[in-house]
Each structure stands twice: as C-alpha cells, then as structure tokens.
Amino acid sequence: MTFGEKLKEARKKNGLSQEELAELIGVSRAAVAKWETDKGLPDIENLKAAAGLLDVSIDYLLDDGGSIDLCVTKKAIDLKKYGSGKKLSRFKKLEIKERIVREEYPDAEIIRLTLTEIRNTKGETVADQAIGWFALLLGGIPLFGTQEAGKLANSLDQQYYLVNKDKNQYFVLLTDEHIIARKLSTKITEKKFEIGDRKFRTMGNV
C-alpha cells in the first residue's frame, strides 16, 4: 500500500471525513486530499501530527507492514434534542455544545479554546496578496488577509476544548453534527499554542 492508501484507510476506519482529519491536524482539506491520492507528501511536522493523531508510526505510513491502532473518537450529536424545536442561534448552539462536552467528560477538567488564527498556505498567501494589490490598484480598499478572515468566519460554528482526564489530555472539536476527540501525545500547558496551521488561546474552564 502507498502512503496515501494507508492514510485514507486509517481515516476511513476511524470514520473521519477529509475535512475532519484536516481540522484535527491543522491543515486544509485540499492538503489531505493530495496526500491520500499520492500527489504530495506532508512535511515532517504534519507527518508527525498525522501519525500521532491516528496513533500509527511514521514507519507504518511510509513503509510496509504495521497495524492501525486509532486514538481518535468520533460520536454523532443531535443539537435539536437539547432545544425547544426552534431554530438554534449560534449562542444557543455554543451553550448546548458546552453541555454535551461536560456530559461526555463529567469528571475531567475542560478548558475552552478560541481559534485566533488560521495561517494561509504558500499558495493562499500568493493569491491573497494578488487580491489585495488588485483592489488597491482599482482604487478600492486593500483587501489583504481576506482568505484568513474567511477561514476564521467559516469555523465559527466549531468549538474547541482541551480536556484533562486522568493522566491523558484530549483535543476536542465539536461541530454541529459530531464530537471528535484526539488524544495528545504531548500535554499542552501554554495559554497560547499551535496545532498545525491553527493558533489557539485558552479561555478558562467550562
């Protein structure tokens, strides 16, 4: 099996979409798609992140042999059952997601995270600069940073948490449909930290 085939098999066995895997590693969905079709390889940091996320060795992904032992959990959630039948506001969704994560980890320390930045890839940076200069040349407002701002806006319905349970720490993502937890190999203790191309800041306990 190729690297891409192994990565795809591990992702599917864990029930993750390309987008969900990308979120947990901290890259774009397009990057994961390239890796899975063997049109590109991750750099060493993303390779380590992918291996750690799926709890497989780098040797397994790059060489023959090895067995898959996943350490990512994914569960479907239904926000509507916590509501009153009305359309849920963004604030109400956040309130429900915090209730869900407390129910999932009743005896754990749960730390709120805020996503402060999603860095562009090199290609996105070039495109962003082109958009900015083009707008400036036309006499408009220089629109630099629009792609990063757009990615942040698209992530507003996603909530992130660090969960300390027993001796383990989990990076937890809640979308409107799922709760996904990734067991971290190295415990995060800083108030500001990075996972892949995403920067986070802790915001106190739930």
C-alpha atoms as a PDB file:
ATOM      1  CA  MET A   1       0.000   0.000   0.000  1.00  0.00           C
ATOM      2  CA  THR A   2       1.142   3.545  -0.707  1.00  0.00           C
ATOM      3  CA  PHE A   3       1.354   6.289   1.906  1.00  0.00           C
ATOM      4  CA  GLY A   4      -1.873   7.796   0.564  1.00  0.00           C
ATOM      5  CA  GLU A   5      -3.737   4.494   0.679  1.00  0.00           C
ATOM      6  CA  LYS A   6      -2.646   3.871   4.285  1.00  0.00           C
ATOM      7  CA  LEU A   7      -3.628   7.358   5.359  1.00  0.00           C
ATOM      8  CA  LYS A   8      -7.011   7.046   3.668  1.00  0.00           C
ATOM      9  CA  GLU A   9      -7.614   3.600   5.178  1.00  0.00           C
ATOM     10  CA  ALA A  10      -6.773   4.850   8.682  1.00  0.00           C
ATOM     11  CA  ARG A  11      -9.051   7.871   8.269  1.00  0.00           C
ATOM     12  CA  LYS A  12     -11.976   5.798   6.996  1.00  0.00           C
ATOM     13  CA  LYS A  13     -11.599   3.124   9.678  1.00  0.00           C
ATOM     14  CA  ASN A  14     -11.925   5.892  12.224  1.00  0.00           C
ATOM     15  CA  GLY A  15     -14.999   7.340  10.490  1.00  0.00           C
ATOM     16  CA  LEU A  16     -13.439  10.735   9.779  1.00  0.00           C
ATOM     17  CA  SER A  17     -14.034  12.836   6.689  1.00  0.00           C
ATOM     18  CA  GLN A  18     -11.105  14.527   4.962  1.00  0.00           C
ATOM     19  CA  GLU A  19     -12.294  17.843   6.382  1.00  0.00           C
ATOM     20  CA  GLU A  20     -12.452  16.489   9.931  1.00  0.00           C
ATOM     21  CA  LEU A  21      -8.990  14.961   9.669  1.00  0.00           C
ATOM     22  CA  ALA A  22      -7.672  18.248   8.275  1.00  0.00           C
ATOM     23  CA  GLU A  23      -9.231  20.155  11.205  1.00  0.00           C
ATOM     24  CA  LEU A  24      -7.557  17.879  13.730  1.00  0.00           C
ATOM     25  CA  ILE A  25      -4.150  18.047  12.056  1.00  0.00           C
ATOM     26  CA  GLY A  26      -4.495  21.760  11.344  1.00  0.00           C
ATOM     27  CA  VAL A  27      -4.255  21.838   7.547  1.00  0.00           C
ATOM     28  CA  SER A  28      -6.651  22.384   4.644  1.00  0.00           C
ATOM     29  CA  ARG A  29      -8.903  19.624   3.313  1.00  0.00           C
ATOM     30  CA  ALA A  30      -7.152  20.008  -0.051  1.00  0.00           C
ATOM     31  CA  ALA A  31      -3.845  19.066   1.601  1.00  0.00           C
ATOM     32  CA  VAL A  32      -5.301  15.815   2.960  1.00  0.00           C
ATOM     33  CA  ALA A  33      -6.815  15.047  -0.460  1.00  0.00           C
ATOM     34  CA  LYS A  34      -3.382  15.479  -2.074  1.00  0.00           C
ATOM     35  CA  TRP A  35      -1.735  13.190   0.457  1.00  0.00           C
ATOM     36  CA  GLU A  36      -4.369  10.486   0.016  1.00  0.00           C
ATOM     37  CA  THR A  37      -4.014  10.489  -3.765  1.00  0.00           C
ATOM     38  CA  ASP A  38      -0.195  10.442  -3.509  1.00  0.00           C
ATOM     39  CA  LYS A  39       0.063  13.804  -5.258  1.00  0.00           C
ATOM     40  CA  GLY A  40       2.068  15.188  -2.376  1.00  0.00           C
ATOM     41  CA  LEU A  41       3.577  14.304   0.985  1.00  0.00           C
ATOM     42  CA  PRO A  42       3.169  16.207   4.239  1.00  0.00           C
ATOM     43  CA  ASP A  43       6.159  17.994   5.701  1.00  0.00           C
ATOM     44  CA  ILE A  44       7.779  16.412   8.750  1.00  0.00           C
ATOM     45  CA  GLU A  45       5.631  18.353  11.251  1.00  0.00           C
ATOM     46  CA  ASN A  46       2.369  17.396   9.564  1.00  0.00           C
ATOM     47  CA  LEU A  47       3.581  13.826   9.125  1.00  0.00           C
ATOM     48  CA  LYS A  48       4.252  13.639  12.867  1.00  0.00           C
ATOM     49  CA  ALA A  49       0.835  15.176  13.554  1.00  0.00           C
ATOM     50  CA  ALA A  50      -0.935  12.661  11.288  1.00  0.00           C
ATOM     51  CA  ALA A  51       0.908   9.720  12.824  1.00  0.00           C
ATOM     52  CA  GLY A  52       0.217  10.971  16.353  1.00  0.00           C
ATOM     53  CA  LEU A  53      -3.417  11.675  15.558  1.00  0.00           C
ATOM     54  CA  LEU A  54      -4.017   8.163  14.214  1.00  0.00           C
ATOM     55  CA  ASP A  55      -1.653   6.555  16.729  1.00  0.00           C
ATOM     56  CA  VAL A  56       0.347   4.868  13.991  1.00  0.00           C
ATOM     57  CA  SER A  57       4.074   5.044  13.498  1.00  0.00           C
ATOM     58  CA  ILE A  58       5.687   7.156  10.822  1.00  0.00           C
ATOM     59  CA  ASP A  59       7.360   3.942   9.676  1.00  0.00           C
ATOM     60  CA  TYR A  60       3.933   2.364   9.168  1.00  0.00           C
ATOM     61  CA  LEU A  61       2.794   5.260   6.968  1.00  0.00           C
ATOM     62  CA  LEU A  62       5.997   5.377   4.931  1.00  0.00           C
ATOM     63  CA  ASP A  63       6.947   1.691   4.837  1.00  0.00           C
ATOM     64  CA  ASP A  64       5.314  -1.730   4.623  1.00  0.00           C
ATOM     65  CA  GLY A  65       3.640  -3.529   7.483  1.00  0.00           C
ATOM     66  CA  GLY A  66       2.243  -2.307  10.754  1.00  0.00           C
ATOM     67  CA  SER A  67      -1.212  -2.370  12.253  1.00  0.00           C
ATOM     68  CA  ILE A  68      -3.629   0.507  12.774  1.00  0.00           C
ATOM     69  CA  ASP A  69      -4.450   1.410  16.354  1.00  0.00           C
ATOM     70  CA  LEU A  70      -6.502   4.599  16.264  1.00  0.00           C
ATOM     71  CA  CYS A  71      -6.745   7.037  19.180  1.00  0.00           C
ATOM     72  CA  VAL A  72      -9.382   9.350  17.749  1.00  0.00           C
ATOM     73  CA  THR A  73     -13.022   9.029  18.741  1.00  0.00           C
ATOM     74  CA  LYS A  74     -15.972  10.439  16.832  1.00  0.00           C
ATOM     75  CA  LYS A  75     -19.590  10.452  18.011  1.00  0.00           C
ATOM     76  CA  ALA A  76     -22.676  11.867  16.361  1.00  0.00           C
ATOM     77  CA  ILE A  77     -24.554  14.531  18.333  1.00  0.00           C
ATOM     78  CA  ASP A  78     -28.047  15.966  17.914  1.00  0.00           C
ATOM     79  CA  LEU A  79     -28.261  19.599  18.969  1.00  0.00           C
ATOM     80  CA  LYS A  80     -32.012  19.702  18.326  1.00  0.00           C
ATOM     81  CA  LYS A  81     -32.836  17.363  21.187  1.00  0.00           C
ATOM     82  CA  TYR A  82     -31.475  19.979  23.583  1.00  0.00           C
ATOM     83  CA  GLY A  83     -33.504  22.781  22.015  1.00  0.00           C
ATOM     84  CA  SER A  84     -37.179  23.708  22.056  1.00  0.00           C
ATOM     85  CA  GLY A  85     -37.848  22.841  18.407  1.00  0.00           C
ATOM     86  CA  LYS A  86     -36.985  26.356  17.249  1.00  0.00           C
ATOM     87  CA  LYS A  87     -34.047  27.286  15.054  1.00  0.00           C
ATOM     88  CA  LEU A  88     -30.963  27.423  17.261  1.00  0.00           C
ATOM     89  CA  SER A  89     -28.949  30.630  17.449  1.00  0.00           C
ATOM     90  CA  ARG A  90     -25.154  30.500  17.401  1.00  0.00           C
ATOM     91  CA  PHE A  91     -25.107  31.386  21.123  1.00  0.00           C
ATOM     92  CA  LYS A  92     -27.596  28.596  21.940  1.00  0.00           C
ATOM     93  CA  LYS A  93     -25.522  26.102  19.936  1.00  0.00           C
ATOM     94  CA  LEU A  94     -22.435  27.062  21.949  1.00  0.00           C
ATOM     95  CA  GLU A  95     -24.380  26.601  25.178  1.00  0.00           C
ATOM     96  CA  ILE A  96     -25.571  23.159  24.068  1.00  0.00           C
ATOM     97  CA  LYS A  97     -22.104  22.087  22.931  1.00  0.00           C
ATOM     98  CA  GLU A  98     -20.658  23.017  26.317  1.00  0.00           C
ATOM     99  CA  ARG A  99     -23.352  20.899  27.951  1.00  0.00           C
ATOM    100  CA  ILE A 100     -22.502  17.993  25.639  1.00  0.00           C
ATOM    101  CA  VAL A 101     -18.780  18.169  26.355  1.00  0.00           C
ATOM    102  CA  ARG A 102     -19.479  18.277  30.117  1.00  0.00           C
ATOM    103  CA  GLU A 103     -21.717  15.208  29.765  1.00  0.00           C
ATOM    104  CA  GLU A 104     -19.028  13.424  27.757  1.00  0.00           C
ATOM    105  CA  TYR A 105     -16.290  14.197  30.323  1.00  0.00           C
ATOM    106  CA  PRO A 106     -18.124  14.599  33.666  1.00  0.00           C
ATOM    107  CA  ASP A 107     -15.083  14.188  35.932  1.00  0.00           C
ATOM    108  CA  ALA A 108     -12.496  15.955  33.774  1.00  0.00           C
ATOM    109  CA  GLU A 109     -11.023  19.436  33.586  1.00  0.00           C
ATOM    110  CA  ILE A 110     -12.417  21.050  30.420  1.00  0.00           C
ATOM    111  CA  ILE A 111     -10.693  24.156  29.056  1.00  0.00           C
ATOM    112  CA  ARG A 112     -12.355  26.408  26.460  1.00  0.00           C
ATOM    113  CA  LEU A 113     -10.246  27.323  23.450  1.00  0.00           C
ATOM    114  CA  THR A 114     -10.624  30.142  20.983  1.00  0.00           C
ATOM    115  CA  LEU A 115      -9.224  29.857  17.463  1.00  0.00           C
ATOM    116  CA  THR A 116      -7.217  33.042  16.923  1.00  0.00           C
ATOM    117  CA  GLU A 117      -5.616  32.435  13.539  1.00  0.00           C
ATOM    118  CA  ILE A 118      -5.558  30.041  10.595  1.00  0.00           C
ATOM    119  CA  ARG A 119      -2.386  30.617   8.641  1.00  0.00           C
ATOM    120  CA  ASN A 120      -2.513  30.529   4.848  1.00  0.00           C
ATOM    121  CA  THR A 121      -0.608  28.031   2.771  1.00  0.00           C
ATOM    122  CA  LYS A 122       2.029  29.480   0.425  1.00  0.00           C
ATOM    123  CA  GLY A 123      -0.419  29.338  -2.488  1.00  0.00           C
ATOM    124  CA  GLU A 124      -3.149  31.040  -0.473  1.00  0.00           C
ATOM    125  CA  THR A 125      -0.713  33.770   0.601  1.00  0.00           C
ATOM    126  CA  VAL A 126       0.205  34.493  -3.029  1.00  0.00           C
ATOM    127  CA  ALA A 127      -3.478  34.628  -4.010  1.00  0.00           C
ATOM    128  CA  ASP A 128      -4.284  36.849  -1.031  1.00  0.00           C
ATOM    129  CA  GLN A 129      -1.514  39.290  -1.953  1.00  0.00           C
ATOM    130  CA  ALA A 130      -2.740  39.384  -5.554  1.00  0.00           C
ATOM    131  CA  ILE A 131      -6.314  40.181  -4.428  1.00  0.00           C
ATOM    132  CA  GLY A 132      -5.054  42.902  -2.095  1.00  0.00           C
ATOM    133  CA  TRP A 133      -2.890  44.666  -4.681  1.00  0.00           C
ATOM    134  CA  PHE A 134      -5.543  44.331  -7.388  1.00  0.00           C
ATOM    135  CA  ALA A 135      -8.126  46.023  -5.142  1.00  0.00           C
ATOM    136  CA  LEU A 136      -5.624  48.770  -4.309  1.00  0.00           C
ATOM    137  CA  LEU A 137      -4.853  49.397  -7.985  1.00  0.00           C
ATOM    138  CA  LEU A 138      -8.566  49.792  -8.712  1.00  0.00           C
ATOM    139  CA  GLY A 139      -8.774  52.499  -6.070  1.00  0.00           C
ATOM    140  CA  GLY A 140     -10.598  50.372  -3.519  1.00  0.00           C
ATOM    141  CA  ILE A 141      -9.768  49.191  -0.018  1.00  0.00           C
ATOM    142  CA  PRO A 142      -6.677  46.942   0.038  1.00  0.00           C
ATOM    143  CA  LEU A 143      -8.181  43.549   0.889  1.00  0.00           C
ATOM    144  CA  PHE A 144      -5.153  41.825   2.384  1.00  0.00           C
ATOM    145  CA  GLY A 145      -5.873  38.957   4.785  1.00  0.00           C
ATOM    146  CA  THR A 146      -9.255  38.126   3.268  1.00  0.00           C
ATOM    147  CA  GLN A 147      -8.583  34.391   2.964  1.00  0.00           C
ATOM    148  CA  GLU A 148      -7.505  34.026   6.605  1.00  0.00           C
ATOM    149  CA  ALA A 149     -10.517  36.060   7.711  1.00  0.00           C
ATOM    150  CA  GLY A 150     -12.791  33.885   5.572  1.00  0.00           C
ATOM    151  CA  LYS A 151     -11.427  30.669   7.068  1.00  0.00           C
ATOM    152  CA  LEU A 152     -11.932  32.029  10.571  1.00  0.00           C
ATOM    153  CA  ALA A 153     -15.500  33.011   9.703  1.00  0.00           C
ATOM    154  CA  ASN A 154     -16.200  29.518   8.372  1.00  0.00           C
ATOM    155  CA  SER A 155     -15.005  27.988  11.658  1.00  0.00           C
ATOM    156  CA  LEU A 156     -17.397  29.981  13.873  1.00  0.00           C
ATOM    157  CA  ASP A 157     -19.735  27.004  14.302  1.00  0.00           C
ATOM    158  CA  GLN A 158     -16.879  24.829  15.564  1.00  0.00           C
ATOM    159  CA  GLN A 159     -15.909  24.762  19.246  1.00  0.00           C
ATOM    160  CA  TYR A 160     -12.575  23.562  20.560  1.00  0.00           C
ATOM    161  CA  TYR A 161     -11.586  22.310  24.009  1.00  0.00           C
ATOM    162  CA  LEU A 162      -8.659  20.785  25.867  1.00  0.00           C
ATOM    163  CA  VAL A 163      -9.771  18.036  28.222  1.00  0.00           C
ATOM    164  CA  ASN A 164      -7.573  16.756  31.036  1.00  0.00           C
ATOM    165  CA  LYS A 165      -8.863  13.371  32.175  1.00  0.00           C
ATOM    166  CA  ASP A 166      -6.809  11.175  34.497  1.00  0.00           C
ATOM    167  CA  LYS A 167      -3.275  11.354  33.064  1.00  0.00           C
ATOM    168  CA  ASN A 168      -4.398  11.974  29.498  1.00  0.00           C
ATOM    169  CA  GLN A 169      -5.142  15.135  27.542  1.00  0.00           C
ATOM    170  CA  TYR A 170      -7.540  15.363  24.601  1.00  0.00           C
ATOM    171  CA  PHE A 171      -8.028  17.970  21.890  1.00  0.00           C
ATOM    172  CA  VAL A 172     -11.783  18.033  21.362  1.00  0.00           C
ATOM    173  CA  LEU A 173     -13.655  19.512  18.398  1.00  0.00           C
ATOM    174  CA  LEU A 174     -17.432  19.950  18.336  1.00  0.00           C
ATOM    175  CA  THR A 175     -19.200  20.625  15.059  1.00  0.00           C
ATOM    176  CA  ASP A 176     -22.979  20.842  14.670  1.00  0.00           C
ATOM    177  CA  GLU A 177     -23.037  17.091  13.931  1.00  0.00           C
ATOM    178  CA  HIS A 178     -20.153  15.445  15.814  1.00  0.00           C
ATOM    179  CA  ILE A 179     -17.879  15.481  18.835  1.00  0.00           C
ATOM    180  CA  ILE A 180     -14.374  14.406  17.833  1.00  0.00           C
ATOM    181  CA  ALA A 181     -11.598  13.827  20.361  1.00  0.00           C
ATOM    182  CA  ARG A 182      -7.905  13.384  19.654  1.00  0.00           C
ATOM    183  CA  LYS A 183      -5.623  12.030  22.373  1.00  0.00           C
ATOM    184  CA  LEU A 184      -2.499  14.180  22.531  1.00  0.00           C
ATOM    185  CA  SER A 185       0.906  12.561  22.862  1.00  0.00           C
ATOM    186  CA  THR A 186       2.395  15.704  24.429  1.00  0.00           C
ATOM    187  CA  LYS A 187       0.435  17.634  27.034  1.00  0.00           C
ATOM    188  CA  ILE A 188      -0.266  21.305  26.249  1.00  0.00           C
ATOM    189  CA  THR A 189       0.230  23.646  29.210  1.00  0.00           C
ATOM    190  CA  GLU A 190       0.716  27.034  27.499  1.00  0.00           C
ATOM    191  CA  LYS A 191      -2.083  29.608  27.278  1.00  0.00           C
ATOM    192  CA  LYS A 192      -1.249  30.157  23.591  1.00  0.00           C
ATOM    193  CA  PHE A 193      -0.281  27.272  21.341  1.00  0.00           C
ATOM    194  CA  GLU A 194      -0.369  25.992  17.773  1.00  0.00           C
ATOM    195  CA  ILE A 195      -1.673  22.805  16.199  1.00  0.00           C
ATOM    196  CA  GLY A 196      -0.729  22.622  12.528  1.00  0.00           C
ATOM    197  CA  ASP A 197      -1.634  25.911  10.819  1.00  0.00           C
ATOM    198  CA  ARG A 198      -4.043  26.940  13.603  1.00  0.00           C
ATOM    199  CA  LYS A 199      -3.316  29.105  16.635  1.00  0.00           C
ATOM    200  CA  PHE A 200      -5.356  28.771  19.827  1.00  0.00           C
ATOM    201  CA  ARG A 201      -5.698  30.553  23.144  1.00  0.00           C
ATOM    202  CA  THR A 202      -7.148  29.104  26.343  1.00  0.00           C
ATOM    203  CA  MET A 203     -10.231  30.904  27.672  1.00  0.00           C
ATOM    204  CA  GLY A 204     -10.766  29.383  31.112  1.00  0.00           C
ATOM    205  CA  ASN A 205     -12.610  26.295  32.292  1.00  0.00           C
ATOM    206  CA  VAL A 206     -16.083  25.146  31.286  1.00  0.00           C
END
